[in-house]
C-alpha atoms as a PDB file:
ATOM      1  CA  UNK A   1      -0.025   0.213   0.004  1.00  0.00           C
ATOM      2  CA  UNK A   2       1.134   3.207  -0.620  1.00  0.00           C
ATOM      3  CA  UNK A   3       1.859   5.966   2.039  1.00  0.00           C
ATOM      4  CA  UNK A   4       0.476   9.062   1.382  1.00  0.00           C
ATOM      5  CA  UNK A   5       1.904  12.296   2.699  1.00  0.00           C
ATOM      6  CA  UNK A   6      -0.575  15.350   3.095  1.00  0.00           C
ATOM      7  CA  UNK A   7       1.778  18.464   2.677  1.00  0.00           C
ATOM      8  CA  UNK A   8       2.684  21.334   0.657  1.00  0.00           C
ATOM      9  CA  UNK A   9       6.038  22.481  -1.299  1.00  0.00           C
ATOM     10  CA  UNK A  10       6.308  25.444   1.231  1.00  0.00           C
ATOM     11  CA  UNK A  11       6.529  24.070   4.091  1.00  0.00           C
ATOM     12  CA  UNK A  12       9.699  23.300   5.321  1.00  0.00           C
ATOM     13  CA  UNK A  13       8.318  21.048   7.867  1.00  0.00           C
ATOM     14  CA  UNK A  14       6.323  19.024   5.554  1.00  0.00           C
ATOM     15  CA  UNK A  15      10.345  18.803   3.608  1.00  0.00           C
ATOM     16  CA  UNK A  16      11.520  17.006   6.623  1.00  0.00           C
ATOM     17  CA  UNK A  17       8.706  14.447   6.142  1.00  0.00           C
ATOM     18  CA  UNK A  18       8.828  13.892   2.222  1.00  0.00           C
ATOM     19  CA  UNK A  19      12.810  14.041   2.536  1.00  0.00           C
ATOM     20  CA  UNK A  20      12.612  11.021   5.092  1.00  0.00           C
ATOM     21  CA  UNK A  21      10.109   9.480   2.584  1.00  0.00           C
ATOM     22  CA  UNK A  22      11.833   9.770  -0.500  1.00  0.00           C
ATOM     23  CA  UNK A  23      15.175   8.491   0.761  1.00  0.00           C
ATOM     24  CA  UNK A  24      13.518   5.823   3.036  1.00  0.00           C
ATOM     25  CA  UNK A  25      12.955   3.650  -0.580  1.00  0.00           C
ATOM     26  CA  UNK A  26       9.260   2.887   1.083  1.00  0.00           C
ATOM     27  CA  UNK A  27       6.593   3.627  -1.595  1.00  0.00           C
ATOM     28  CA  UNK A  28       5.071   7.019  -1.132  1.00  0.00           C
ATOM     29  CA  UNK A  29       3.224   9.547  -2.571  1.00  0.00           C
ATOM     30  CA  UNK A  30       2.097  13.307  -2.152  1.00  0.00           C
ATOM     31  CA  UNK A  31      -1.054  14.921  -1.708  1.00  0.00           C
ATOM     32  CA  UNK A  32      -0.914  18.809  -2.221  1.00  0.00           C
ATOM     33  CA  UNK A  33      -3.033  20.348   0.789  1.00  0.00           C
ATOM     34  CA  UNK A  34      -3.855  23.885  -0.347  1.00  0.00           C
ATOM     35  CA  UNK A  35      -2.330  26.035   2.723  1.00  0.00           C
ATOM     36  CA  UNK A  36      -2.851  29.042   1.250  1.00  0.00           C
ATOM     37  CA  UNK A  37      -6.262  28.678   0.014  1.00  0.00           C
ATOM     38  CA  UNK A  38      -7.233  28.186   3.617  1.00  0.00           C
ATOM     39  CA  UNK A  39      -7.450  24.122   3.544  1.00  0.00           C
ATOM     40  CA  UNK A  40      -6.156  23.373   6.799  1.00  0.00           C
ATOM     41  CA  UNK A  41      -8.703  25.986   8.510  1.00  0.00           C
ATOM     42  CA  UNK A  42     -11.668  24.267   6.929  1.00  0.00           C
ATOM     43  CA  UNK A  43     -14.310  21.819   9.197  1.00  0.00           C
ATOM     44  CA  UNK A  44     -13.506  19.087   6.863  1.00  0.00           C
ATOM     45  CA  UNK A  45      -9.664  19.064   6.791  1.00  0.00           C
ATOM     46  CA  UNK A  46      -9.612  19.502  10.856  1.00  0.00           C
ATOM     47  CA  UNK A  47     -12.125  16.311  11.054  1.00  0.00           C
ATOM     48  CA  UNK A  48     -10.772  14.206   8.068  1.00  0.00           C
ATOM     49  CA  UNK A  49      -7.191  15.083   8.025  1.00  0.00           C
ATOM     50  CA  UNK A  50      -5.744  16.315  11.450  1.00  0.00           C
ATOM     51  CA  UNK A  51      -7.419  18.373  13.901  1.00  0.00           C
ATOM     52  CA  UNK A  52      -4.594  20.317  14.529  1.00  0.00           C
ATOM     53  CA  UNK A  53      -4.943  22.315  11.285  1.00  0.00           C
ATOM     54  CA  UNK A  54      -2.019  21.446  10.306  1.00  0.00           C
ATOM     55  CA  UNK A  55       0.415  19.676   7.570  1.00  0.00           C
ATOM     56  CA  UNK A  56       2.475  17.014   6.978  1.00  0.00           C
ATOM     57  CA  UNK A  57      -0.129  14.267   7.643  1.00  0.00           C
ATOM     58  CA  UNK A  58       0.971  10.753   7.049  1.00  0.00           C
ATOM     59  CA  UNK A  59      -1.044   7.813   6.355  1.00  0.00           C
ATOM     60  CA  UNK A  60      -0.281   4.610   5.610  1.00  0.00           C
ATOM     61  CA  UNK A  61      -3.672   1.995   5.632  1.00  0.00           C
ATOM     62  CA  UNK A  62      -5.669   2.910   9.113  1.00  0.00           C
ATOM     63  CA  UNK A  63      -2.394   4.895  10.395  1.00  0.00           C
ATOM     64  CA  UNK A  64      -2.227   8.251  11.280  1.00  0.00           C
ATOM     65  CA  UNK A  65       0.089  10.572  11.746  1.00  0.00           C
ATOM     66  CA  UNK A  66       1.067  14.190  12.714  1.00  0.00           C
ATOM     67  CA  UNK A  67       4.263  16.572  13.393  1.00  0.00           C
ATOM     68  CA  UNK A  68       7.008  15.926  11.098  1.00  0.00           C
ATOM     69  CA  UNK A  69       9.050  13.974  13.956  1.00  0.00           C
ATOM     70  CA  UNK A  70       6.726  11.645  14.895  1.00  0.00           C
ATOM     71  CA  UNK A  71       6.501  10.971  10.579  1.00  0.00           C
ATOM     72  CA  UNK A  72      10.114  10.723  11.048  1.00  0.00           C
ATOM     73  CA  UNK A  73      10.284   8.025  13.645  1.00  0.00           C
ATOM     74  CA  UNK A  74       7.734   6.120  11.711  1.00  0.00           C
ATOM     75  CA  UNK A  75       9.697   6.088   8.496  1.00  0.00           C
ATOM     76  CA  UNK A  76      12.499   4.845  10.799  1.00  0.00           C
ATOM     77  CA  UNK A  77      10.575   1.862  11.682  1.00  0.00           C
ATOM     78  CA  UNK A  78       9.225   0.757   8.519  1.00  0.00           C
ATOM     79  CA  UNK A  79      12.506   1.248   6.502  1.00  0.00           C
ATOM     80  CA  UNK A  80      15.078   0.448   9.076  1.00  0.00           C
ATOM     81  CA  UNK A  81      16.792   3.977   8.481  1.00  0.00           C
ATOM     82  CA  UNK A  82      17.547   6.951  10.216  1.00  0.00           C
ATOM     83  CA  UNK A  83      16.699   6.213  13.461  1.00  0.00           C
ATOM     84  CA  UNK A  84      20.496   5.508  14.809  1.00  0.00           C
ATOM     85  CA  UNK A  85      21.624   1.793  15.613  1.00  0.00           C
ATOM     86  CA  UNK A  86      22.359   2.163  19.826  1.00  0.00           C
ATOM     87  CA  UNK A  87      20.009   3.790  22.219  1.00  0.00           C
ATOM     88  CA  UNK A  88      22.438   6.338  22.497  1.00  0.00           C
ATOM     89  CA  UNK A  89      22.452   7.295  18.824  1.00  0.00           C
ATOM     90  CA  UNK A  90      18.497   6.985  19.406  1.00  0.00           C
ATOM     91  CA  UNK A  91      18.978   9.514  22.104  1.00  0.00           C
ATOM     92  CA  UNK A  92      21.328  11.923  20.739  1.00  0.00           C
ATOM     93  CA  UNK A  93      19.143  11.927  17.617  1.00  0.00           C
ATOM     94  CA  UNK A  94      15.924  13.221  19.017  1.00  0.00           C
ATOM     95  CA  UNK A  95      18.235  15.769  21.056  1.00  0.00           C
ATOM     96  CA  UNK A  96      18.967  17.136  17.514  1.00  0.00           C
ATOM     97  CA  UNK A  97      15.132  16.893  16.577  1.00  0.00           C
ATOM     98  CA  UNK A  98      13.699  18.427  19.680  1.00  0.00           C
ATOM     99  CA  UNK A  99      16.303  21.297  19.539  1.00  0.00           C
ATOM    100  CA  UNK A 100      16.024  21.887  15.818  1.00  0.00           C
ATOM    101  CA  UNK A 101      12.335  21.969  16.398  1.00  0.00           C
ATOM    102  CA  UNK A 102      12.829  24.756  19.296  1.00  0.00           C
ATOM    103  CA  UNK A 103      16.078  26.590  17.975  1.00  0.00           C
ATOM    104  CA  UNK A 104      15.715  26.082  14.402  1.00  0.00           C
ATOM    105  CA  UNK A 105      13.086  25.375  12.074  1.00  0.00           C
ATOM    106  CA  UNK A 106      10.127  27.096  14.567  1.00  0.00           C
ATOM    107  CA  UNK A 107      11.899  30.493  14.418  1.00  0.00           C
ATOM    108  CA  UNK A 108      13.199  29.908  10.248  1.00  0.00           C
ATOM    109  CA  UNK A 109       9.626  29.205   9.221  1.00  0.00           C
ATOM    110  CA  UNK A 110       8.006  32.158  10.727  1.00  0.00           C
ATOM    111  CA  UNK A 111      11.186  34.595   9.683  1.00  0.00           C
ATOM    112  CA  UNK A 112      10.647  33.453   6.163  1.00  0.00           C
ATOM    113  CA  UNK A 113       7.108  33.506   6.533  1.00  0.00           C
ATOM    114  CA  UNK A 114       6.901  37.025   7.771  1.00  0.00           C
ATOM    115  CA  UNK A 115       9.351  38.153   4.967  1.00  0.00           C
ATOM    116  CA  UNK A 116       8.027  36.088   1.936  1.00  0.00           C
ATOM    117  CA  UNK A 117       4.285  35.674   2.686  1.00  0.00           C
ATOM    118  CA  UNK A 118       3.355  38.717   3.913  1.00  0.00           C
ATOM    119  CA  UNK A 119       3.033  42.606   2.214  1.00  0.00           C
ATOM    120  CA  UNK A 120       5.547  44.489   2.718  1.00  0.00           C
ATOM    121  CA  UNK A 121       3.750  46.747   4.790  1.00  0.00           C
ATOM    122  CA  UNK A 122       2.473  43.769   6.901  1.00  0.00           C
ATOM    123  CA  UNK A 123       5.786  42.853   8.027  1.00  0.00           C
ATOM    124  CA  UNK A 124       6.592  43.343  11.742  1.00  0.00           C
ATOM    125  CA  UNK A 125      10.211  44.607  10.922  1.00  0.00           C
ATOM    126  CA  UNK A 126      11.389  44.534  14.597  1.00  0.00           C
ATOM    127  CA  UNK A 127      10.304  41.054  15.468  1.00  0.00           C
ATOM    128  CA  UNK A 128      11.837  39.827  12.168  1.00  0.00           C
ATOM    129  CA  UNK A 129      15.393  41.710  13.060  1.00  0.00           C
ATOM    130  CA  UNK A 130      14.805  39.755  16.912  1.00  0.00           C
ATOM    131  CA  UNK A 131      14.295  36.417  15.338  1.00  0.00           C
ATOM    132  CA  UNK A 132      16.883  36.441  12.897  1.00  0.00           C
ATOM    133  CA  UNK A 133      19.425  37.208  15.892  1.00  0.00           C
ATOM    134  CA  UNK A 134      18.298  33.876  17.262  1.00  0.00           C
ATOM    135  CA  UNK A 135      18.546  31.920  14.369  1.00  0.00           C
ATOM    136  CA  UNK A 136      22.022  33.415  14.257  1.00  0.00           C
ATOM    137  CA  UNK A 137      22.822  31.600  17.409  1.00  0.00           C
ATOM    138  CA  UNK A 138      21.549  28.703  16.494  1.00  0.00           C
ATOM    139  CA  UNK A 139      23.276  28.241  13.111  1.00  0.00           C
ATOM    140  CA  UNK A 140      26.590  28.704  15.151  1.00  0.00           C
ATOM    141  CA  UNK A 141      25.612  25.930  17.383  1.00  0.00           C
ATOM    142  CA  UNK A 142      24.768  23.763  14.049  1.00  0.00           C
ATOM    143  CA  UNK A 143      27.909  24.913  12.352  1.00  0.00           C
ATOM    144  CA  UNK A 144      30.447  24.341  15.253  1.00  0.00           C
ATOM    145  CA  UNK A 145      29.002  21.246  15.778  1.00  0.00           C
ATOM    146  CA  UNK A 146      29.118  20.141  12.051  1.00  0.00           C
ATOM    147  CA  UNK A 147      33.058  20.710  11.911  1.00  0.00           C
ATOM    148  CA  UNK A 148      34.970  18.014  11.913  1.00  0.00           C
ATOM    149  CA  UNK A 149      31.892  15.631  10.942  1.00  0.00           C
ATOM    150  CA  UNK A 150      30.365  14.483   8.261  1.00  0.00           C
ATOM    151  CA  UNK A 151      26.333  14.124   9.605  1.00  0.00           C
ATOM    152  CA  UNK A 152      25.152  15.573  13.068  1.00  0.00           C
ATOM    153  CA  UNK A 153      24.887  11.724  14.703  1.00  0.00           C
ATOM    154  CA  UNK A 154      27.048   9.174  13.866  1.00  0.00           C
ATOM    155  CA  UNK A 155      28.628   8.181  10.369  1.00  0.00           C
ATOM    156  CA  UNK A 156      25.423   8.475   8.262  1.00  0.00           C
ATOM    157  CA  UNK A 157      22.147  10.454   7.992  1.00  0.00           C
ATOM    158  CA  UNK A 158      19.695  10.378  10.792  1.00  0.00           C
ATOM    159  CA  UNK A 159      16.769  12.271  11.747  1.00  0.00           C
ATOM    160  CA  UNK A 160      18.657  14.473  13.141  1.00  0.00           C
ATOM    161  CA  UNK A 161      20.076  15.477   9.530  1.00  0.00           C
ATOM    162  CA  UNK A 162      16.515  15.431   7.946  1.00  0.00           C
ATOM    163  CA  UNK A 163      15.128  17.318  10.642  1.00  0.00           C
ATOM    164  CA  UNK A 164      17.228  19.947  11.036  1.00  0.00           C
ATOM    165  CA  UNK A 165      18.094  21.037   7.195  1.00  0.00           C
ATOM    166  CA  UNK A 166      13.880  21.504   6.839  1.00  0.00           C
ATOM    167  CA  UNK A 167      14.045  24.920   5.986  1.00  0.00           C
ATOM    168  CA  UNK A 168      17.677  25.305   4.972  1.00  0.00           C
ATOM    169  CA  UNK A 169      17.091  24.873   1.089  1.00  0.00           C
ATOM    170  CA  UNK A 170      14.944  27.066   0.359  1.00  0.00           C
ATOM    171  CA  UNK A 171      15.186  30.085  -1.965  1.00  0.00           C
ATOM    172  CA  UNK A 172      13.779  32.555  -0.368  1.00  0.00           C
ATOM    173  CA  UNK A 173      15.520  35.130   2.030  1.00  0.00           C
ATOM    174  CA  UNK A 174      15.179  35.043   5.540  1.00  0.00           C
ATOM    175  CA  UNK A 175      18.797  35.357   7.277  1.00  0.00           C
ATOM    176  CA  UNK A 176      20.362  32.529   6.464  1.00  0.00           C
ATOM    177  CA  UNK A 177      23.366  32.586   3.440  1.00  0.00           C
ATOM    178  CA  UNK A 178      25.247  29.448   3.073  1.00  0.00           C
ATOM    179  CA  UNK A 179      28.698  30.570   2.648  1.00  0.00           C
ATOM    180  CA  UNK A 180      28.676  32.409   5.713  1.00  0.00           C
ATOM    181  CA  UNK A 181      28.481  29.562   8.126  1.00  0.00           C
ATOM    182  CA  UNK A 182      30.592  26.510   5.746  1.00  0.00           C
ATOM    183  CA  UNK A 183      30.375  23.744   8.350  1.00  0.00           C
ATOM    184  CA  UNK A 184      26.230  23.940   7.132  1.00  0.00           C
ATOM    185  CA  UNK A 185      27.059  24.900   3.629  1.00  0.00           C
ATOM    186  CA  UNK A 186      29.273  21.502   3.511  1.00  0.00           C
ATOM    187  CA  UNK A 187      26.983  19.081   5.333  1.00  0.00           C
ATOM    188  CA  UNK A 188      24.137  20.454   3.190  1.00  0.00           C
ATOM    189  CA  UNK A 189      25.921  19.642   0.124  1.00  0.00           C
ATOM    190  CA  UNK A 190      26.798  15.974   1.010  1.00  0.00           C
ATOM    191  CA  UNK A 191      22.987  16.078   1.489  1.00  0.00           C
ATOM    192  CA  UNK A 192      22.079  16.730  -1.109  1.00  0.00           C
ATOM    193  CA  UNK A 193      24.521  14.712  -3.093  1.00  0.00           C
ATOM    194  CA  UNK A 194      22.581  11.786  -1.398  1.00  0.00           C
ATOM    195  CA  UNK A 195      20.681   9.742  -4.284  1.00  0.00           C
ATOM    196  CA  UNK A 196      17.280  10.602  -4.235  1.00  0.00           C
ATOM    197  CA  UNK A 197      17.795  13.754  -2.801  1.00  0.00           C
ATOM    198  CA  UNK A 198      15.412  16.851  -4.095  1.00  0.00           C
ATOM    199  CA  UNK A 199      14.920  20.009  -3.616  1.00  0.00           C
ATOM    200  CA  UNK A 200      11.374  21.358  -1.401  1.00  0.00           C
ATOM    201  CA  UNK A 201       9.858  22.816  -4.639  1.00  0.00           C
ATOM    202  CA  UNK A 202      10.868  19.574  -6.790  1.00  0.00           C
ATOM    203  CA  UNK A 203       9.661  16.715  -4.148  1.00  0.00           C
ATOM    204  CA  UNK A 204       6.278  17.965  -3.235  1.00  0.00           C
ATOM    205  CA  UNK A 205       3.721  20.226  -5.303  1.00  0.00           C
ATOM    206  CA  UNK A 206       3.201  23.675  -4.566  1.00  0.00           C
ATOM    207  CA  UNK A 207       5.156  26.813  -4.473  1.00  0.00           C
ATOM    208  CA  UNK A 208       5.270  30.570  -4.659  1.00  0.00           C
ATOM    209  CA  UNK A 209       5.200  30.483  -8.344  1.00  0.00           C
ATOM    210  CA  UNK A 210       1.744  28.892  -8.381  1.00  0.00           C
ATOM    211  CA  UNK A 211       0.554  31.957  -6.773  1.00  0.00           C
ATOM    212  CA  UNK A 212       2.145  34.780  -8.868  1.00  0.00           C
END
């Protein structure tokens, strides 16, 4: 049975789940969520897809999962990939997934949205500046950790990598310049050279160009 991932191209959190599926070798297909058309706020979506009104959502037969980290964990269960080989690695992967959700992706996602998906006269400049400062601190943590390492945990791609990269391949400006963070830049290059890798707008349906 084909796994279905309800997602949309503009979402970095959806990209984390989609990329895990893409590199896992599991049979899956994306289902477009019309986020900007208001689909996630409709009673039908909240009743039949996700009562939290969010994407991504994975549906595999009777299994329905939300939140990218949970979906990544399920992909690891089904594929045997990305979840770590020891209890120590699994805990370290979880540590970085939680760190990403709190320190990196949450700030990157909101900052990118405020800069690129709101009219300029409605953009809260002081808030954006504050969040970009928090992002710089997060980039520094990740960049320092990757010095002398190929991957965030262990000697191969794990859910730590697939989580932390979620927003860093997007072309829209939000305060991340790869060249400023050489170890992150090299890590993103390694990940993008993995067979099967695709950029967000190539992997999932939906992009700003569709609404231009």
